[in-house]
């Protein structure tokens, strides 16, 4: 089974996003992290899903999540 890892910078961003959600609505924060993990697992299974951001990097792809974009290299 393939796994994903979160870069240090992305992990810091994710913590800030979760702090924002959790300070306002714990349920929303929990939903966000569940959806984040689900989308990351989908990326592991289907690395070419999402939109290409080739103008920034030929291997860069992304999918939206609640006004944010999850980026990865494929």
PDB file of N, CA and C in Angstrom:
ATOM      1  N   UNK A   1       0.831  -1.177   0.000  1.00  0.00           N
ATOM      2  CA  UNK A   1       0.000   0.000   0.000  1.00  0.00           C
ATOM      3  C   UNK A   1       0.882   1.249   0.000  1.00  0.00           C
ATOM      4  N   UNK A   2       0.626   2.153  -0.929  1.00  0.00           N
ATOM      5  CA  UNK A   2       1.393   3.381  -0.999  1.00  0.00           C
ATOM      6  C   UNK A   2       0.922   4.346   0.082  1.00  0.00           C
ATOM      7  N   UNK A   3       1.840   5.205   0.509  1.00  0.00           N
ATOM      8  CA  UNK A   3       1.517   6.180   1.538  1.00  0.00           C
ATOM      9  C   UNK A   3       1.872   7.576   1.047  1.00  0.00           C
ATOM     10  N   UNK A   4       1.386   8.563   1.736  1.00  0.00           N
ATOM     11  CA  UNK A   4       1.747   9.936   1.422  1.00  0.00           C
ATOM     12  C   UNK A   4       2.438  10.549   2.630  1.00  0.00           C
ATOM     13  N   UNK A   5       3.219  11.576   2.378  1.00  0.00           N
ATOM     14  CA  UNK A   5       3.799  12.329   3.480  1.00  0.00           C
ATOM     15  C   UNK A   5       3.535  13.803   3.231  1.00  0.00           C
ATOM     16  N   UNK A   6       3.521  14.554   4.296  1.00  0.00           N
ATOM     17  CA  UNK A   6       3.239  15.978   4.224  1.00  0.00           C
ATOM     18  C   UNK A   6       4.535  16.725   4.513  1.00  0.00           C
ATOM     19  N   UNK A   7       4.926  17.593   3.589  1.00  0.00           N
ATOM     20  CA  UNK A   7       6.141  18.384   3.758  1.00  0.00           C
ATOM     21  C   UNK A   7       6.037  19.253   5.011  1.00  0.00           C
ATOM     22  N   UNK A   8       7.175  19.591   5.572  1.00  0.00           N
ATOM     23  CA  UNK A   8       7.208  20.386   6.807  1.00  0.00           C
ATOM     24  C   UNK A   8       6.427  21.691   6.649  1.00  0.00           C
ATOM     25  N   UNK A   9       6.656  22.404   5.551  1.00  0.00           N
ATOM     26  CA  UNK A   9       5.969  23.670   5.331  1.00  0.00           C
ATOM     27  C   UNK A   9       4.456  23.462   5.217  1.00  0.00           C
ATOM     28  N   UNK A  10       4.058  22.420   4.513  1.00  0.00           N
ATOM     29  CA  UNK A  10       2.634  22.118   4.355  1.00  0.00           C
ATOM     30  C   UNK A  10       2.021  21.727   5.698  1.00  0.00           C
ATOM     31  N   UNK A  11       2.771  21.011   6.500  1.00  0.00           N
ATOM     32  CA  UNK A  11       2.291  20.613   7.818  1.00  0.00           C
ATOM     33  C   UNK A  11       2.039  21.847   8.687  1.00  0.00           C
ATOM     34  N   UNK A  12       2.913  22.835   8.598  1.00  0.00           N
ATOM     35  CA  UNK A  12       2.726  24.073   9.356  1.00  0.00           C
ATOM     36  C   UNK A  12       1.478  24.808   8.866  1.00  0.00           C
ATOM     37  N   UNK A  13       1.287  24.856   7.545  1.00  0.00           N
ATOM     38  CA  UNK A  13       0.082  25.483   6.986  1.00  0.00           C
ATOM     39  C   UNK A  13      -1.167  24.748   7.468  1.00  0.00           C
ATOM     40  N   UNK A  14      -1.121  23.425   7.439  1.00  0.00           N
ATOM     41  CA  UNK A  14      -2.261  22.626   7.863  1.00  0.00           C
ATOM     42  C   UNK A  14      -2.595  22.878   9.329  1.00  0.00           C
ATOM     43  N   UNK A  15      -1.580  23.000  10.168  1.00  0.00           N
ATOM     44  CA  UNK A  15      -1.820  23.302  11.585  1.00  0.00           C
ATOM     45  C   UNK A  15      -2.520  24.644  11.753  1.00  0.00           C
ATOM     46  N   UNK A  16      -2.102  25.648  10.990  1.00  0.00           N
ATOM     47  CA  UNK A  16      -2.738  26.965  11.067  1.00  0.00           C
ATOM     48  C   UNK A  16      -4.190  26.906  10.600  1.00  0.00           C
ATOM     49  N   UNK A  17      -4.443  26.167   9.546  1.00  0.00           N
ATOM     50  CA  UNK A  17      -5.808  26.013   9.040  1.00  0.00           C
ATOM     51  C   UNK A  17      -6.675  25.321  10.091  1.00  0.00           C
ATOM     52  N   UNK A  18      -6.150  24.253  10.668  1.00  0.00           N
ATOM     53  CA  UNK A  18      -6.914  23.531  11.695  1.00  0.00           C
ATOM     54  C   UNK A  18      -7.153  24.393  12.930  1.00  0.00           C
ATOM     55  N   UNK A  19      -6.161  25.165  13.330  1.00  0.00           N
ATOM     56  CA  UNK A  19      -6.354  26.075  14.467  1.00  0.00           C
ATOM     57  C   UNK A  19      -7.501  27.037  14.186  1.00  0.00           C
ATOM     58  N   UNK A  20      -7.539  27.552  12.966  1.00  0.00           N
ATOM     59  CA  UNK A  20      -8.614  28.467  12.578  1.00  0.00           C
ATOM     60  C   UNK A  20      -9.977  27.784  12.704  1.00  0.00           C
ATOM     61  N   UNK A  21     -10.096  26.587  12.097  1.00  0.00           N
ATOM     62  CA  UNK A  21     -11.371  25.873  12.153  1.00  0.00           C
ATOM     63  C   UNK A  21     -11.734  25.489  13.583  1.00  0.00           C
ATOM     64  N   UNK A  22     -10.787  24.946  14.317  1.00  0.00           N
ATOM     65  CA  UNK A  22     -11.082  24.453  15.661  1.00  0.00           C
ATOM     66  C   UNK A  22     -11.443  25.578  16.622  1.00  0.00           C
ATOM     67  N   UNK A  23     -10.911  26.776  16.403  1.00  0.00           N
ATOM     68  CA  UNK A  23     -11.255  27.911  17.264  1.00  0.00           C
ATOM     69  C   UNK A  23     -12.682  28.381  17.019  1.00  0.00           C
ATOM     70  N   UNK A  24     -13.217  28.077  15.856  1.00  0.00           N
ATOM     71  CA  UNK A  24     -14.552  28.553  15.508  1.00  0.00           C
ATOM     72  C   UNK A  24     -15.615  27.463  15.563  1.00  0.00           C
ATOM     73  N   UNK A  25     -15.220  26.248  15.165  1.00  0.00           N
ATOM     74  CA  UNK A  25     -16.195  25.161  15.095  1.00  0.00           C
ATOM     75  C   UNK A  25     -15.448  23.830  15.055  1.00  0.00           C
ATOM     76  N   UNK A  26     -15.449  23.130  16.178  1.00  0.00           N
ATOM     77  CA  UNK A  26     -14.720  21.863  16.280  1.00  0.00           C
ATOM     78  C   UNK A  26     -15.196  20.869  15.230  1.00  0.00           C
ATOM     79  N   UNK A  27     -16.503  20.785  15.020  1.00  0.00           N
ATOM     80  CA  UNK A  27     -17.033  19.851  14.020  1.00  0.00           C
ATOM     81  C   UNK A  27     -16.518  20.177  12.620  1.00  0.00           C
ATOM     82  N   UNK A  28     -16.439  21.452  12.297  1.00  0.00           N
ATOM     83  CA  UNK A  28     -15.924  21.854  10.982  1.00  0.00           C
ATOM     84  C   UNK A  28     -14.458  21.469  10.844  1.00  0.00           C
ATOM     85  N   UNK A  29     -13.688  21.637  11.897  1.00  0.00           N
ATOM     86  CA  UNK A  29     -12.279  21.244  11.884  1.00  0.00           C
ATOM     87  C   UNK A  29     -12.113  19.748  11.694  1.00  0.00           C
ATOM     88  N   UNK A  30     -12.944  18.979  12.373  1.00  0.00           N
ATOM     89  CA  UNK A  30     -12.887  17.525  12.237  1.00  0.00           C
ATOM     90  C   UNK A  30     -13.280  17.097  10.825  1.00  0.00           C
ATOM     91  N   UNK A  31     -14.316  17.729  10.267  1.00  0.00           N
ATOM     92  CA  UNK A  31     -14.715  17.421   8.882  1.00  0.00           C
ATOM     93  C   UNK A  31     -13.599  17.774   7.902  1.00  0.00           C
ATOM     94  N   UNK A  32     -12.957  18.917   8.136  1.00  0.00           N
ATOM     95  CA  UNK A  32     -11.875  19.345   7.250  1.00  0.00           C
ATOM     96  C   UNK A  32     -10.757  18.320   7.232  1.00  0.00           C
ATOM     97  N   UNK A  33     -10.311  17.874   8.403  1.00  0.00           N
ATOM     98  CA  UNK A  33      -9.184  16.933   8.448  1.00  0.00           C
ATOM     99  C   UNK A  33      -9.576  15.573   7.882  1.00  0.00           C
ATOM    100  N   UNK A  34     -10.819  15.146   8.092  1.00  0.00           N
ATOM    101  CA  UNK A  34     -11.276  13.884   7.484  1.00  0.00           C
ATOM    102  C   UNK A  34     -11.254  13.985   5.967  1.00  0.00           C
ATOM    103  N   UNK A  35     -11.763  15.095   5.452  1.00  0.00           N
ATOM    104  CA  UNK A  35     -11.798  15.296   4.000  1.00  0.00           C
ATOM    105  C   UNK A  35     -10.384  15.445   3.434  1.00  0.00           C
ATOM    106  N   UNK A  36      -9.517  16.125   4.165  1.00  0.00           N
ATOM    107  CA  UNK A  36      -8.116  16.253   3.750  1.00  0.00           C
ATOM    108  C   UNK A  36      -7.482  14.870   3.622  1.00  0.00           C
ATOM    109  N   UNK A  37      -7.640  14.048   4.643  1.00  0.00           N
ATOM    110  CA  UNK A  37      -7.057  12.704   4.615  1.00  0.00           C
ATOM    111  C   UNK A  37      -7.663  11.856   3.496  1.00  0.00           C
ATOM    112  N   UNK A  38      -8.962  11.976   3.282  1.00  0.00           N
ATOM    113  CA  UNK A  38      -9.614  11.215   2.210  1.00  0.00           C
ATOM    114  C   UNK A  38      -9.056  11.628   0.846  1.00  0.00           C
ATOM    115  N   UNK A  39      -8.916  12.917   0.644  1.00  0.00           N
ATOM    116  CA  UNK A  39      -8.388  13.392  -0.638  1.00  0.00           C
ATOM    117  C   UNK A  39      -6.942  12.961  -0.830  1.00  0.00           C
ATOM    118  N   UNK A  40      -6.151  13.011   0.220  1.00  0.00           N
ATOM    119  CA  UNK A  40      -4.756  12.564   0.115  1.00  0.00           C
ATOM    120  C   UNK A  40      -4.682  11.074  -0.215  1.00  0.00           C
ATOM    121  N   UNK A  41      -5.548  10.269   0.367  1.00  0.00           N
ATOM    122  CA  UNK A  41      -5.579   8.845   0.052  1.00  0.00           C
ATOM    123  C   UNK A  41      -5.985   8.622  -1.403  1.00  0.00           C
ATOM    124  N   UNK A  42      -6.910   9.448  -1.910  1.00  0.00           N
ATOM    125  CA  UNK A  42      -7.286   9.350  -3.326  1.00  0.00           C
ATOM    126  C   UNK A  42      -6.105   9.695  -4.228  1.00  0.00           C
ATOM    127  N   UNK A  43      -5.326  10.693  -3.833  1.00  0.00           N
ATOM    128  CA  UNK A  43      -4.150  11.078  -4.620  1.00  0.00           C
ATOM    129  C   UNK A  43      -3.149   9.923  -4.676  1.00  0.00           C
ATOM    130  N   UNK A  44      -2.982   9.226  -3.564  1.00  0.00           N
ATOM    131  CA  UNK A  44      -2.073   8.073  -3.549  1.00  0.00           C
ATOM    132  C   UNK A  44      -2.532   7.028  -4.569  1.00  0.00           C
ATOM    133  N   UNK A  45      -3.833   6.780  -4.622  1.00  0.00           N
ATOM    134  CA  UNK A  45      -4.364   5.783  -5.549  1.00  0.00           C
ATOM    135  C   UNK A  45      -4.388   6.279  -6.986  1.00  0.00           C
ATOM    136  N   UNK A  46      -4.643   7.563  -7.170  1.00  0.00           N
ATOM    137  CA  UNK A  46      -4.788   8.143  -8.510  1.00  0.00           C
ATOM    138  C   UNK A  46      -3.967   9.436  -8.589  1.00  0.00           C
ATOM    139  N   UNK A  47      -2.649   9.347  -8.696  1.00  0.00           N
ATOM    140  CA  UNK A  47      -1.794  10.532  -8.624  1.00  0.00           C
ATOM    141  C   UNK A  47      -2.015  11.559  -9.734  1.00  0.00           C
ATOM    142  N   UNK A  48      -2.666  11.181 -10.811  1.00  0.00           N
ATOM    143  CA  UNK A  48      -2.897  12.127 -11.902  1.00  0.00           C
ATOM    144  C   UNK A  48      -4.251  12.822 -11.832  1.00  0.00           C
ATOM    145  N   UNK A  49      -4.994  12.626 -10.720  1.00  0.00           N
ATOM    146  CA  UNK A  49      -6.267  13.340 -10.578  1.00  0.00           C
ATOM    147  C   UNK A  49      -5.973  14.811 -10.311  1.00  0.00           C
ATOM    148  N   UNK A  50      -6.989  15.594 -10.359  1.00  0.00           N
ATOM    149  CA  UNK A  50      -6.832  17.010 -10.058  1.00  0.00           C
ATOM    150  C   UNK A  50      -6.362  17.810 -11.248  1.00  0.00           C
ATOM    151  N   UNK A  51      -6.123  19.060 -10.996  1.00  0.00           N
ATOM    152  CA  UNK A  51      -5.734  20.011 -12.023  1.00  0.00           C
ATOM    153  C   UNK A  51      -4.214  20.088 -12.130  1.00  0.00           C
ATOM    154  N   UNK A  52      -3.729  20.254 -13.337  1.00  0.00           N
ATOM    155  CA  UNK A  52      -2.303  20.467 -13.565  1.00  0.00           C
ATOM    156  C   UNK A  52      -1.947  21.922 -13.282  1.00  0.00           C
ATOM    157  N   UNK A  53      -0.848  22.119 -12.603  1.00  0.00           N
ATOM    158  CA  UNK A  53      -0.282  23.447 -12.381  1.00  0.00           C
ATOM    159  C   UNK A  53       1.094  23.505 -13.036  1.00  0.00           C
ATOM    160  N   UNK A  54       1.153  23.006 -14.279  1.00  0.00           N
ATOM    161  CA  UNK A  54       2.408  22.879 -15.014  1.00  0.00           C
ATOM    162  C   UNK A  54       3.092  24.225 -15.253  1.00  0.00           C
ATOM    163  N   UNK A  55       2.327  25.313 -15.230  1.00  0.00           N
ATOM    164  CA  UNK A  55       2.975  26.605 -15.442  1.00  0.00           C
ATOM    165  C   UNK A  55       3.911  26.962 -14.283  1.00  0.00           C
ATOM    166  N   UNK A  56       3.720  26.320 -13.125  1.00  0.00           N
ATOM    167  CA  UNK A  56       4.606  26.513 -11.982  1.00  0.00           C
ATOM    168  C   UNK A  56       5.667  25.424 -11.898  1.00  0.00           C
ATOM    169  N   UNK A  57       5.252  24.202 -12.211  1.00  0.00           N
ATOM    170  CA  UNK A  57       6.144  23.039 -12.179  1.00  0.00           C
ATOM    171  C   UNK A  57       5.482  21.960 -13.024  1.00  0.00           C
ATOM    172  N   UNK A  58       6.211  21.338 -13.945  1.00  0.00           N
ATOM    173  CA  UNK A  58       5.593  20.348 -14.841  1.00  0.00           C
ATOM    174  C   UNK A  58       4.935  19.171 -14.117  1.00  0.00           C
ATOM    175  N   UNK A  59       5.376  18.869 -12.907  1.00  0.00           N
ATOM    176  CA  UNK A  59       4.831  17.723 -12.158  1.00  0.00           C
ATOM    177  C   UNK A  59       3.778  18.118 -11.128  1.00  0.00           C
ATOM    178  N   UNK A  60       3.475  19.407 -10.999  1.00  0.00           N
ATOM    179  CA  UNK A  60       2.596  19.887  -9.933  1.00  0.00           C
ATOM    180  C   UNK A  60       1.127  19.724 -10.296  1.00  0.00           C
ATOM    181  N   UNK A  61       0.365  19.141  -9.357  1.00  0.00           N
ATOM    182  CA  UNK A  61      -1.085  18.976  -9.503  1.00  0.00           C
ATOM    183  C   UNK A  61      -1.738  19.462  -8.218  1.00  0.00           C
ATOM    184  N   UNK A  62      -3.056  19.706  -8.270  1.00  0.00           N
ATOM    185  CA  UNK A  62      -3.757  20.166  -7.085  1.00  0.00           C
ATOM    186  C   UNK A  62      -5.246  19.888  -7.150  1.00  0.00           C
ATOM    187  N   UNK A  63      -5.851  19.765  -5.964  1.00  0.00           N
ATOM    188  CA  UNK A  63      -7.300  19.602  -5.841  1.00  0.00           C
ATOM    189  C   UNK A  63      -7.791  20.548  -4.745  1.00  0.00           C
ATOM    190  N   UNK A  64      -8.985  21.107  -4.943  1.00  0.00           N
ATOM    191  CA  UNK A  64      -9.511  22.055  -3.956  1.00  0.00           C
ATOM    192  C   UNK A  64     -10.085  21.358  -2.721  1.00  0.00           C
ATOM    193  N   UNK A  65     -10.030  22.100  -1.611  1.00  0.00           N
ATOM    194  CA  UNK A  65     -10.642  21.643  -0.357  1.00  0.00           C
ATOM    195  C   UNK A  65     -11.020  22.871   0.457  1.00  0.00           C
ATOM    196  N   UNK A  66     -12.299  23.157   0.530  1.00  0.00           N
ATOM    197  CA  UNK A  66     -12.831  24.256   1.355  1.00  0.00           C
ATOM    198  C   UNK A  66     -12.079  25.579   1.159  1.00  0.00           C
ATOM    199  N   UNK A  67     -11.860  25.967  -0.078  1.00  0.00           N
ATOM    200  CA  UNK A  67     -11.194  27.234  -0.355  1.00  0.00           C
ATOM    201  C   UNK A  67      -9.677  27.160  -0.351  1.00  0.00           C
ATOM    202  N   UNK A  68      -9.119  25.999  -0.102  1.00  0.00           N
ATOM    203  CA  UNK A  68      -7.677  25.778  -0.128  1.00  0.00           C
ATOM    204  C   UNK A  68      -7.373  24.840  -1.299  1.00  0.00           C
ATOM    205  N   UNK A  69      -6.103  24.670  -1.605  1.00  0.00           N
ATOM    206  CA  UNK A  69      -5.702  23.711  -2.642  1.00  0.00           C
ATOM    207  C   UNK A  69      -4.646  22.794  -2.054  1.00  0.00           C
ATOM    208  N   UNK A  70      -4.867  21.507  -2.208  1.00  0.00           N
ATOM    209  CA  UNK A  70      -3.873  20.498  -1.826  1.00  0.00           C
ATOM    210  C   UNK A  70      -2.994  20.281  -3.049  1.00  0.00           C
ATOM    211  N   UNK A  71      -1.690  20.550  -2.917  1.00  0.00           N
ATOM    212  CA  UNK A  71      -0.742  20.382  -4.013  1.00  0.00           C
ATOM    213  C   UNK A  71       0.118  19.142  -3.801  1.00  0.00           C
ATOM    214  N   UNK A  72       0.538  18.533  -4.907  1.00  0.00           N
ATOM    215  CA  UNK A  72       1.478  17.407  -4.862  1.00  0.00           C
ATOM    216  C   UNK A  72       2.207  17.312  -6.191  1.00  0.00           C
ATOM    217  N   UNK A  73       3.310  16.583  -6.151  1.00  0.00           N
ATOM    218  CA  UNK A  73       4.063  16.270  -7.372  1.00  0.00           C
ATOM    219  C   UNK A  73       3.736  14.853  -7.776  1.00  0.00           C
ATOM    220  N   UNK A  74       3.533  14.643  -9.065  1.00  0.00           N
ATOM    221  CA  UNK A  74       3.319  13.270  -9.532  1.00  0.00           C
ATOM    222  C   UNK A  74       4.397  12.884 -10.510  1.00  0.00           C
TER     223      UNK A  74
END
